[in-house]
Amino acid sequence: MIVVTNTIKVKKGHGEEVASRFGRSKGVQFQPGFVRMEVLLTQGLEEYDELKVCTTWADKAAFEGWVSSDNFKEAHVKRAAEQQSSQEAGNESVILGSKMTTHSVLVTRLAGEE
C-alpha cells in the first residue's frame, strides 16, 4: 500500500476554500485500487495556509492508473482553465505552490486492535 501526499501552499485565509474543491467528486473514489482520501489543513502556520491531500492506494500501479485516467485529466484541465480565466480577469491565484511525495505504508494500527 502507498500514500501519495500533495502538499499545497495557499495564501493565508484560503485553505478551507481550496480544501472544499476536493469535496467535489472527480471520480477518484471509483478508481481501481483507491482506498481513501483525506484533506488536512496544517494548524499554527502564520504566513500561509498549507493543505495535505493524502490519497491511499493499493499499490503504485493503482495510483499511476488514476493519473493516466480520463477523470484525472479532465479534473486537472478544468482547474488549469479556471486558473487561466482568473488570471486573465486580473485575479491572482491563491495557490502558492505544491509538492507531491509518495510513501510506502510499512505499519498500520487500528483502534482497538491488539
Protein backbone atom coordinates (compact mmCIF):
# COMPACT_ATOMS: atom_id res chain seq x y z
CA MET A 1 0.00 0.00 0.00
CA ILE A 2 1.16 3.56 -0.67
CA VAL A 3 0.12 7.04 0.40
CA VAL A 4 0.59 9.90 -2.04
CA THR A 5 0.66 13.33 -0.41
CA ASN A 6 0.20 16.56 -2.34
CA THR A 7 1.31 19.41 -0.06
CA ILE A 8 -0.27 22.64 -1.30
CA LYS A 9 0.83 26.06 -0.07
CA VAL A 10 -2.09 28.53 -0.18
CA LYS A 11 -2.44 32.24 0.57
CA LYS A 12 -3.37 32.79 4.22
CA GLY A 13 -7.12 32.56 4.80
CA HIS A 14 -7.87 30.47 1.69
CA GLY A 15 -7.07 26.95 2.96
CA GLU A 16 -10.63 25.87 3.65
CA GLU A 17 -11.84 27.33 0.34
CA VAL A 18 -9.25 25.31 -1.61
CA ALA A 19 -9.91 22.21 0.53
CA SER A 20 -13.61 22.35 -0.36
CA ARG A 21 -12.71 21.74 -4.02
CA PHE A 22 -11.57 18.25 -3.07
CA GLY A 23 -15.03 17.52 -1.64
CA ARG A 24 -16.49 17.64 -5.15
CA SER A 25 -16.12 14.22 -6.72
CA LYS A 26 -13.73 13.81 -9.62
CA GLY A 27 -14.30 10.05 -9.79
CA VAL A 28 -11.25 9.08 -7.76
CA GLN A 29 -13.42 7.02 -5.41
CA PHE A 30 -14.27 4.67 -8.30
CA GLN A 31 -10.68 4.21 -9.45
CA PRO A 32 -9.44 0.60 -9.06
CA GLY A 33 -7.01 0.38 -6.15
CA PHE A 34 -8.17 3.61 -4.47
CA VAL A 35 -8.53 3.20 -0.70
CA ARG A 36 -9.23 6.66 0.73
CA MET A 37 -8.53 10.39 0.56
CA GLU A 38 -8.01 12.81 3.42
CA VAL A 39 -7.52 16.56 3.09
CA LEU A 40 -5.64 18.03 6.04
CA LEU A 41 -5.19 21.70 6.97
CA THR A 42 -1.95 22.34 8.85
CA GLN A 43 -2.52 24.25 12.08
CA GLY A 44 -0.36 27.00 13.55
CA LEU A 45 1.19 28.49 10.39
CA GLU A 46 1.29 32.28 10.28
CA GLU A 47 2.43 33.27 6.77
CA TYR A 48 0.32 30.93 4.63
CA ASP A 49 -2.15 28.01 4.78
CA GLU A 50 -0.99 24.52 3.97
CA LEU A 51 -3.10 21.60 2.79
CA LYS A 52 -2.01 18.00 2.62
CA VAL A 53 -4.12 15.95 0.23
CA CYS A 54 -3.35 12.34 1.16
CA THR A 55 -4.59 9.54 -1.05
CA THR A 56 -4.08 5.89 -0.12
CA TRP A 57 -3.71 3.32 -2.88
CA ALA A 58 -3.41 -0.46 -3.03
CA ASP A 59 -0.12 -0.02 -4.88
CA LYS A 60 1.82 2.36 -7.12
CA ALA A 61 0.23 0.91 -10.27
CA ALA A 62 -3.23 1.87 -8.97
CA PHE A 63 -2.10 5.48 -8.41
CA GLU A 64 -0.49 5.60 -11.85
CA GLY A 65 -3.76 4.30 -13.29
CA TRP A 66 -5.56 7.26 -11.69
CA VAL A 67 -3.03 9.79 -13.01
CA SER A 68 -3.41 8.43 -16.54
CA SER A 69 -7.23 8.21 -16.33
CA ASP A 70 -9.63 10.44 -18.25
CA ASN A 71 -11.24 11.56 -14.94
CA PHE A 72 -7.89 12.81 -13.62
CA LYS A 73 -7.05 14.61 -16.85
CA GLU A 74 -10.49 16.22 -17.05
CA ALA A 75 -10.35 17.43 -13.44
CA HIS A 76 -6.92 18.98 -13.87
CA VAL A 77 -7.66 20.54 -17.26
CA LYS A 78 -10.74 22.23 -15.75
CA ARG A 79 -8.66 23.52 -12.83
CA ALA A 80 -5.98 24.90 -15.17
CA ALA A 81 -8.68 26.62 -17.25
CA GLU A 82 -10.21 28.16 -14.11
CA GLN A 83 -6.81 29.49 -13.04
CA GLN A 84 -6.18 30.93 -16.51
CA SER A 85 -9.58 32.70 -16.51
CA SER A 86 -8.92 34.08 -13.06
CA GLN A 87 -5.51 35.43 -14.08
CA GLU A 88 -6.92 36.97 -17.27
CA ALA A 89 -9.54 38.74 -15.14
CA GLY A 90 -6.72 40.22 -13.07
CA ASN A 91 -7.22 37.90 -10.10
CA GLU A 92 -4.14 36.33 -8.60
CA SER A 93 -4.18 32.61 -7.81
CA VAL A 94 -4.41 31.69 -4.14
CA ILE A 95 -2.21 28.62 -4.80
CA LEU A 96 1.40 29.48 -3.98
CA GLY A 97 2.92 26.11 -4.86
CA SER A 98 2.73 22.38 -4.32
CA LYS A 99 4.90 19.32 -3.85
CA MET A 100 3.97 15.67 -4.31
CA THR A 101 5.55 12.87 -2.26
CA THR A 102 4.96 9.13 -2.26
CA HIS A 103 5.23 6.99 0.88
CA SER A 104 5.24 3.23 1.39
CA VAL A 105 2.91 2.14 4.20
CA LEU A 106 5.01 -0.03 6.49
CA VAL A 107 2.86 -0.18 9.65
CA THR A 108 -0.86 0.35 10.20
CA ARG A 109 -2.52 0.29 13.61
CA LEU A 110 -6.32 0.34 14.02
CA ALA A 111 -8.30 1.43 17.08
CA GLY A 112 -8.98 -1.43 19.47
CA GLU A 113 -6.51 -3.69 17.72
CA GLU A 114 -4.14 -5.78 19.83
